[in-house]
Amino acid sequence: PVAMGAGFGAGLGLALASSAFIGGSFVLKKKGLLRLCGRGRARAGQGGHAYLREWLWWAGLLCMGVGEAANFAAYAFAPATLVTPLGALSVLVSAVLSSIFLNEQLNVHGKIGCVLSILGSTVMVIHAPQEEEVSSLESMAEKLKDPGFIVFAVCVLVSSLLLIFVAGPRYGQSNVLVYVLVCSAIGSLSVSCVKGLGIALKELFSGKPVLKEPLGWLLLVCLVICISIQINYLNKALDIFNTSVVTPIYYVLFTTAVMMCSAILFKEWQHMVLENIVGSISGFLTIVSGIFLLHAFRDMPFTPNLLPLFLQPGRADPHLPWSSADRHQSCQHQPLLPSEDKGSQSAEEEEEEEE
């Protein structure tokens, strides 16, 4: 289990703050893109960059920058698989704020999904794996030279290039997974860069000559490139698709990619007991279930007719007269075939009409 020390508390607090800022940034960016759409300017999904003149978009970018900075600091104090699951709270923040400011529907299924995401995140935090100790840039360099991580990084880069240049022009406007997969795959590499830069900053504050190490500058350049790609394709996804669709899918794919990258780079799963493995997998599946509820049933209206009869308002009132209760009789309790009395009565009425 993860030690509940000062580092854990600092990492937890920074991760919570990061989720709040990042969740709000999605809404601000979407609001700015919608204002541009009303003015008839070229949209980001069509390759335009008019959003650079919109102050709401810059406010969203600033919030995302603050959130990413807090996330950056959280990775320096805690393992990646302890910080990343808390990104589910950004899904909750984004969904609630979207329903308030963007008039996007958040029904009871979405609320249950948000609760499940929080519960799953809590379970993953409790059973978070203890990553292998990396305390210097030298040890980080040895990790980056590992053949398993090199194969993973090459697969990420090749798949991202195929998505950008092959799948993007064909399916980017109709399939939400294209651009979100690019953001998630590149994001897994950016987390590795953040972890390395966090170690470099710790060494810098301790008085070591880190600025002379080329690895720190290389990680910084790679981080800038990765974040630029993420921002570009995340803007395209937000401009084309609904915020309540992009945010949950991005979270699930990004978390999966980060967990895979951390397990390969830091060997987090090698020394875990069975209880923590089952707990981590169960927590992640709970988050995925919550995200699915939040996404799949977002447009389904929830009316009292969907409740059982004893929970419906008409049936719940014991003082309701039987006559008014019968008016709201469910079609499930009506006979499939007409009774004999009603059949004979209808036959007599037909004979009277003929006479």
Protein backbone atom coordinates (compact mmCIF):
# COMPACT_ATOMS: atom_id res chain seq x y z
CA PRO A 1 0.00 0.00 0.00
CA VAL A 2 1.00 3.59 -0.58
CA ALA A 3 2.44 5.34 2.45
CA MET A 4 0.12 8.03 3.81
CA GLY A 5 2.78 10.67 4.34
CA ALA A 6 3.20 14.32 3.51
CA GLY A 7 3.96 13.45 -0.12
CA PHE A 8 0.70 11.55 -0.44
CA GLY A 9 -1.32 14.44 1.01
CA ALA A 10 0.35 16.98 -1.25
CA GLY A 11 -0.11 14.81 -4.32
CA LEU A 12 -3.77 14.17 -3.45
CA GLY A 13 -4.56 17.86 -2.92
CA LEU A 14 -2.82 18.91 -6.12
CA ALA A 15 -4.63 16.21 -8.09
CA LEU A 16 -8.02 17.37 -6.77
CA ALA A 17 -7.24 20.99 -7.68
CA SER A 18 -6.07 19.86 -11.10
CA SER A 19 -9.36 18.05 -11.77
CA ALA A 20 -11.38 21.14 -10.86
CA PHE A 21 -9.41 23.46 -13.16
CA ILE A 22 -9.26 21.00 -16.06
CA GLY A 23 -12.99 20.25 -15.85
CA GLY A 24 -13.79 23.95 -15.98
CA SER A 25 -11.39 24.50 -18.88
CA PHE A 26 -13.40 22.17 -21.13
CA VAL A 27 -16.53 24.27 -20.60
CA LEU A 28 -14.76 27.59 -21.15
CA LYS A 29 -13.16 26.36 -24.36
CA LYS A 30 -16.44 24.99 -25.67
CA LYS A 31 -18.18 28.27 -24.82
CA GLY A 32 -15.56 30.21 -26.79
CA LEU A 33 -15.85 27.86 -29.78
CA LEU A 34 -19.63 28.24 -29.77
CA ARG A 35 -19.30 32.04 -29.86
CA LEU A 36 -17.05 31.75 -32.91
CA CYS A 37 -19.58 29.49 -34.59
CA GLY A 38 -22.27 32.15 -34.13
CA ARG A 39 -20.06 34.77 -35.79
CA GLY A 40 -19.57 32.67 -38.93
CA ARG A 41 -15.80 32.31 -38.64
CA ALA A 42 -13.79 29.25 -39.65
CA ARG A 43 -14.26 26.52 -37.05
CA ALA A 44 -11.44 24.59 -35.42
CA GLY A 45 -12.87 21.32 -36.74
CA GLN A 46 -12.43 22.68 -40.28
CA GLY A 47 -8.82 23.69 -39.72
CA GLY A 48 -9.45 27.30 -38.64
CA HIS A 49 -7.62 29.06 -35.82
CA ALA A 50 -9.98 31.98 -35.15
CA TYR A 51 -10.38 30.75 -31.57
CA LEU A 52 -7.01 32.39 -30.84
CA ARG A 53 -8.85 35.76 -30.85
CA GLU A 54 -11.51 34.65 -28.35
CA TRP A 55 -10.88 35.58 -24.73
CA LEU A 56 -13.07 32.75 -23.39
CA TRP A 57 -10.90 30.23 -25.17
CA TRP A 58 -7.81 31.80 -23.63
CA ALA A 59 -9.47 31.69 -20.21
CA GLY A 60 -10.10 27.99 -20.74
CA LEU A 61 -6.49 27.52 -21.81
CA LEU A 62 -5.32 29.37 -18.69
CA CYS A 63 -7.46 27.11 -16.48
CA MET A 64 -6.08 24.07 -18.25
CA GLY A 65 -2.55 25.41 -17.75
CA VAL A 66 -3.14 25.84 -14.02
CA GLY A 67 -4.68 22.39 -13.84
CA GLU A 68 -1.81 20.83 -15.75
CA ALA A 69 0.70 22.64 -13.52
CA ALA A 70 -1.03 21.21 -10.43
CA ASN A 71 -1.08 17.84 -12.14
CA PHE A 72 2.62 18.24 -12.92
CA ALA A 73 3.40 18.85 -9.25
CA ALA A 74 1.17 15.95 -8.18
CA TYR A 75 3.16 13.52 -10.35
CA ALA A 76 6.33 14.69 -8.65
CA PHE A 77 4.95 13.73 -5.21
CA ALA A 78 2.93 10.59 -5.96
CA PRO A 79 2.87 7.63 -8.38
CA ALA A 80 1.20 8.12 -11.74
CA THR A 81 -1.47 5.50 -11.06
CA LEU A 82 -2.38 7.35 -7.88
CA VAL A 83 -2.80 10.71 -9.59
CA THR A 84 -4.32 9.74 -12.94
CA PRO A 85 -7.53 8.07 -11.65
CA LEU A 86 -8.49 11.29 -9.90
CA GLY A 87 -8.95 12.78 -13.35
CA ALA A 88 -12.46 11.27 -13.17
CA LEU A 89 -13.39 14.26 -11.03
CA SER A 90 -12.72 16.49 -14.03
CA VAL A 91 -15.41 14.50 -15.87
CA LEU A 92 -17.84 15.25 -13.05
CA VAL A 93 -16.95 18.95 -12.99
CA SER A 94 -17.22 19.21 -16.76
CA ALA A 95 -20.59 17.42 -16.86
CA VAL A 96 -22.12 19.56 -14.10
CA LEU A 97 -20.83 22.85 -15.51
CA SER A 98 -21.91 21.86 -19.04
CA SER A 99 -25.45 21.28 -17.84
CA ILE A 100 -25.45 24.73 -16.21
CA PHE A 101 -23.64 26.93 -18.73
CA LEU A 102 -23.95 25.00 -22.01
CA ASN A 103 -27.49 23.66 -21.56
CA GLU A 104 -26.25 20.10 -22.03
CA GLN A 105 -28.52 17.56 -20.39
CA LEU A 106 -27.37 15.70 -17.27
CA ASN A 107 -30.08 13.19 -16.39
CA VAL A 108 -30.24 10.68 -13.56
CA HIS A 109 -28.06 8.21 -15.48
CA GLY A 110 -25.34 10.84 -15.77
CA LYS A 111 -25.55 11.59 -12.06
CA ILE A 112 -25.22 7.90 -11.21
CA GLY A 113 -22.27 7.74 -13.59
CA CYS A 114 -20.57 10.62 -11.78
CA VAL A 115 -21.05 8.86 -8.44
CA LEU A 116 -19.63 5.62 -9.83
CA SER A 117 -16.63 7.49 -11.20
CA ILE A 118 -15.91 8.94 -7.77
CA LEU A 119 -16.28 5.56 -6.08
CA GLY A 120 -14.03 3.88 -8.63
CA SER A 121 -11.40 6.58 -8.21
CA THR A 122 -11.47 6.09 -4.44
CA VAL A 123 -10.95 2.34 -4.81
CA MET A 124 -8.05 2.87 -7.21
CA VAL A 125 -6.42 5.35 -4.83
CA ILE A 126 -6.70 2.89 -1.94
CA HIS A 127 -5.15 0.06 -3.96
CA ALA A 128 -2.68 2.16 -5.97
CA PRO A 129 0.52 0.28 -6.86
CA GLN A 130 3.81 1.37 -5.34
CA GLU A 131 5.99 2.35 -8.29
CA GLU A 132 9.65 1.42 -8.52
CA GLU A 133 11.85 4.05 -6.92
CA VAL A 134 13.25 6.63 -9.38
CA SER A 135 15.12 9.36 -7.52
CA SER A 136 17.55 10.79 -10.08
CA LEU A 137 17.88 11.62 -13.75
CA GLU A 138 20.44 8.85 -14.10
CA SER A 139 17.93 6.22 -13.00
CA MET A 140 15.29 7.87 -15.20
CA ALA A 141 17.64 7.58 -18.18
CA GLU A 142 18.08 3.87 -17.47
CA LYS A 143 14.30 3.45 -17.44
CA LEU A 144 13.94 5.25 -20.76
CA LYS A 145 16.50 2.91 -22.35
CA ASP A 146 14.46 -0.15 -21.42
CA PRO A 147 13.51 -2.14 -24.58
CA GLY A 148 9.91 -2.52 -23.43
CA PHE A 149 9.42 1.22 -23.15
CA ILE A 150 11.16 1.86 -26.49
CA VAL A 151 8.77 -0.57 -28.23
CA PHE A 152 5.80 1.10 -26.50
CA ALA A 153 6.93 4.60 -27.52
CA VAL A 154 7.47 3.54 -31.14
CA CYS A 155 4.00 1.97 -31.26
CA VAL A 156 2.46 5.17 -29.86
CA LEU A 157 4.23 7.39 -32.38
CA VAL A 158 3.41 5.18 -35.38
CA SER A 159 -0.25 4.79 -34.41
CA SER A 160 -0.56 8.54 -33.81
CA LEU A 161 0.88 9.33 -37.25
CA LEU A 162 -1.56 6.90 -38.86
CA LEU A 163 -4.47 8.47 -37.00
CA ILE A 164 -3.42 12.00 -37.95
CA PHE A 165 -2.61 11.52 -41.62
CA VAL A 166 -4.71 8.49 -42.63
CA ALA A 167 -7.75 8.16 -40.37
CA GLY A 168 -8.15 11.87 -39.56
CA PRO A 169 -9.07 13.15 -43.07
CA ARG A 170 -11.49 10.24 -43.61
CA TYR A 171 -13.19 9.66 -40.27
CA GLY A 172 -12.24 12.62 -38.06
CA GLN A 173 -15.51 14.48 -38.69
CA SER A 174 -17.74 11.48 -37.91
CA ASN A 175 -15.89 9.35 -35.34
CA VAL A 176 -15.00 10.83 -31.97
CA LEU A 177 -12.32 8.21 -31.31
CA VAL A 178 -9.91 9.45 -34.00
CA TYR A 179 -8.83 12.74 -32.45
CA VAL A 180 -9.32 11.55 -28.86
CA LEU A 181 -7.04 8.57 -29.45
CA VAL A 182 -4.32 10.93 -30.67
CA CYS A 183 -4.63 13.02 -27.49
CA SER A 184 -4.62 9.95 -25.25
CA ALA A 185 -1.68 8.19 -26.87
CA ILE A 186 0.50 11.30 -26.93
CA GLY A 187 -0.67 12.12 -23.40
CA SER A 188 0.83 8.89 -22.07
CA LEU A 189 4.25 10.06 -23.26
CA SER A 190 3.71 13.53 -21.82
CA VAL A 191 3.10 12.01 -18.37
CA SER A 192 6.48 10.26 -18.59
CA CYS A 193 8.10 13.58 -19.47
CA VAL A 194 6.33 15.27 -16.55
CA LYS A 195 7.57 12.59 -14.17
CA GLY A 196 11.15 13.05 -15.36
CA LEU A 197 10.97 16.84 -15.12
CA GLY A 198 9.57 16.54 -11.61
CA ILE A 199 12.62 14.51 -10.61
CA ALA A 200 14.87 17.09 -12.28
CA LEU A 201 13.23 19.93 -10.31
CA LYS A 202 13.72 18.05 -7.05
CA GLU A 203 17.41 17.64 -7.84
CA LEU A 204 17.66 21.31 -8.86
CA PHE A 205 16.23 22.48 -5.53
CA SER A 206 18.64 20.18 -3.70
CA GLY A 207 21.60 21.94 -5.33
CA LYS A 208 22.62 19.45 -8.01
CA PRO A 209 23.81 20.76 -11.43
CA VAL A 210 20.72 19.57 -13.29
CA LEU A 211 20.82 22.36 -15.88
CA LYS A 212 23.92 20.79 -17.39
CA GLU A 213 22.15 17.47 -17.95
CA PRO A 214 20.88 17.11 -21.56
CA LEU A 215 18.13 14.68 -20.51
CA GLY A 216 16.21 17.38 -18.64
CA TRP A 217 16.15 19.70 -21.65
CA LEU A 218 15.19 16.82 -23.94
CA LEU A 219 12.26 15.95 -21.68
CA LEU A 220 11.17 19.60 -21.68
CA VAL A 221 11.19 19.80 -25.50
CA CYS A 222 9.28 16.52 -25.78
CA LEU A 223 6.73 17.76 -23.24
CA VAL A 224 6.11 20.99 -25.19
CA ILE A 225 5.62 19.05 -28.42
CA CYS A 226 3.26 16.53 -26.80
CA ILE A 227 1.14 19.22 -25.14
CA SER A 228 0.91 21.19 -28.40
CA ILE A 229 -0.39 18.12 -30.23
CA GLN A 230 -2.86 17.38 -27.46
CA ILE A 231 -4.26 20.93 -27.45
CA ASN A 232 -4.64 21.00 -31.24
CA TYR A 233 -6.55 17.74 -31.58
CA LEU A 234 -8.53 18.21 -28.39
CA ASN A 235 -9.82 21.50 -29.82
CA LYS A 236 -10.90 19.71 -32.98
CA ALA A 237 -12.72 17.03 -31.00
CA LEU A 238 -14.49 19.62 -28.81
CA ASP A 239 -15.53 21.67 -31.82
CA ILE A 240 -17.07 18.72 -33.67
CA PHE A 241 -18.58 16.66 -30.85
CA ASN A 242 -20.44 17.30 -27.61
CA THR A 243 -18.42 18.12 -24.49
CA SER A 244 -20.18 15.39 -22.48
CA VAL A 245 -19.03 12.91 -25.13
CA VAL A 246 -15.42 14.04 -25.57
CA THR A 247 -14.54 14.42 -21.89
CA PRO A 248 -15.50 10.91 -20.64
CA ILE A 249 -14.02 9.08 -23.63
CA TYR A 250 -10.83 11.12 -23.35
CA TYR A 251 -10.57 10.26 -19.66
CA VAL A 252 -11.00 6.51 -20.17
CA LEU A 253 -8.51 6.29 -23.04
CA PHE A 254 -6.01 8.64 -21.41
CA THR A 255 -6.10 6.75 -18.10
CA THR A 256 -5.65 3.42 -19.85
CA ALA A 257 -2.68 4.72 -21.84
CA VAL A 258 -1.03 6.25 -18.75
CA MET A 259 -1.48 3.05 -16.74
CA MET A 260 0.11 1.02 -19.52
CA CYS A 261 3.00 3.46 -19.90
CA SER A 262 3.63 3.65 -16.14
CA ALA A 263 3.51 -0.13 -15.78
CA ILE A 264 6.07 -0.55 -18.57
CA LEU A 265 8.35 2.33 -17.60
CA PHE A 266 8.31 2.12 -13.78
CA LYS A 267 7.46 -1.61 -13.39
CA GLU A 268 4.62 -0.71 -11.01
CA TRP A 269 2.75 -4.02 -11.25
CA GLN A 270 5.64 -6.41 -10.60
CA HIS A 271 5.63 -6.19 -6.80
CA MET A 272 1.89 -5.83 -6.19
CA VAL A 273 -0.07 -8.35 -4.14
CA LEU A 274 -3.20 -9.96 -5.57
CA GLU A 275 -5.51 -7.83 -3.41
CA ASN A 276 -4.16 -4.57 -4.81
CA ILE A 277 -4.22 -5.88 -8.37
CA VAL A 278 -7.88 -6.88 -8.07
CA GLY A 279 -8.68 -3.59 -6.34
CA SER A 280 -7.01 -1.49 -9.01
CA ILE A 281 -8.71 -3.35 -11.86
CA SER A 282 -12.09 -3.26 -10.11
CA GLY A 283 -11.80 0.46 -9.42
CA PHE A 284 -10.90 1.19 -13.01
CA LEU A 285 -13.79 -0.93 -14.33
CA THR A 286 -16.13 0.92 -11.96
CA ILE A 287 -14.93 4.21 -13.41
CA VAL A 288 -15.47 2.90 -16.95
CA SER A 289 -19.02 1.83 -16.00
CA GLY A 290 -19.73 5.28 -14.62
CA ILE A 291 -18.32 6.94 -17.71
CA PHE A 292 -20.48 4.67 -19.88
CA LEU A 293 -23.63 5.70 -17.99
CA LEU A 294 -22.64 9.33 -18.29
CA HIS A 295 -22.08 9.02 -22.04
CA ALA A 296 -24.48 6.39 -23.42
CA PHE A 297 -27.73 7.62 -21.83
CA ARG A 298 -27.11 11.37 -21.85
CA ASP A 299 -30.04 12.06 -24.24
CA MET A 300 -32.53 9.65 -22.66
CA PRO A 301 -35.24 11.53 -20.69
CA PHE A 302 -36.08 10.08 -17.29
CA THR A 303 -39.80 10.42 -16.58
CA PRO A 304 -41.91 9.10 -13.66
CA ASN A 305 -43.47 6.55 -16.03
CA LEU A 306 -40.15 4.64 -16.02
CA LEU A 307 -40.44 4.05 -12.26
CA PRO A 308 -42.17 1.02 -10.75
CA LEU A 309 -45.88 1.52 -10.04
CA PHE A 310 -45.46 1.78 -6.26
CA LEU A 311 -42.93 4.62 -6.75
CA GLN A 312 -45.01 6.64 -9.20
CA PRO A 313 -46.59 9.80 -7.76
CA GLY A 314 -50.16 8.65 -8.36
CA ARG A 315 -49.63 5.34 -6.59
CA ALA A 316 -47.50 6.73 -3.79
CA ASP A 317 -50.35 8.90 -2.39
CA PRO A 318 -52.53 6.73 -0.08
CA HIS A 319 -55.33 9.36 0.00
CA LEU A 320 -55.74 9.39 -3.78
CA PRO A 321 -59.32 8.30 -4.72
CA TRP A 322 -59.65 5.08 -6.66
CA SER A 323 -61.34 6.80 -9.56
CA SER A 324 -58.38 9.10 -10.24
CA ALA A 325 -55.92 6.27 -9.65
CA ASP A 326 -57.69 4.16 -12.25
CA ARG A 327 -57.26 6.93 -14.78
CA HIS A 328 -53.50 6.46 -14.56
CA GLN A 329 -53.76 2.68 -14.78
CA SER A 330 -50.72 1.28 -16.51
CA CYS A 331 -51.16 -0.49 -19.78
CA GLN A 332 -49.38 -3.47 -18.25
CA HIS A 333 -52.44 -4.17 -16.04
CA GLN A 334 -55.00 -3.89 -18.83
CA PRO A 335 -56.35 -7.19 -20.26
CA LEU A 336 -54.91 -8.25 -23.55
CA LEU A 337 -58.31 -9.48 -24.79
CA PRO A 338 -61.68 -7.78 -24.23
CA SER A 339 -63.92 -9.36 -21.62
CA GLU A 340 -67.14 -11.15 -22.51
CA ASP A 341 -69.32 -8.44 -20.96
CA LYS A 342 -67.66 -5.75 -23.00
CA GLY A 343 -67.93 -7.93 -26.10
CA SER A 344 -71.67 -8.52 -25.61
CA GLN A 345 -72.23 -4.86 -24.85
CA SER A 346 -70.48 -3.79 -28.05
CA ALA A 347 -72.56 -6.35 -30.02
CA GLU A 348 -75.80 -4.93 -28.60
CA GLU A 349 -74.72 -1.41 -29.52
CA GLU A 350 -74.05 -2.51 -33.11
CA GLU A 351 -77.55 -4.11 -33.35
CA GLU A 352 -79.18 -0.92 -32.08
CA GLU A 353 -77.30 1.16 -34.66
CA GLU A 354 -78.42 -1.20 -37.47
CA GLU A 355 -82.11 -0.94 -36.36
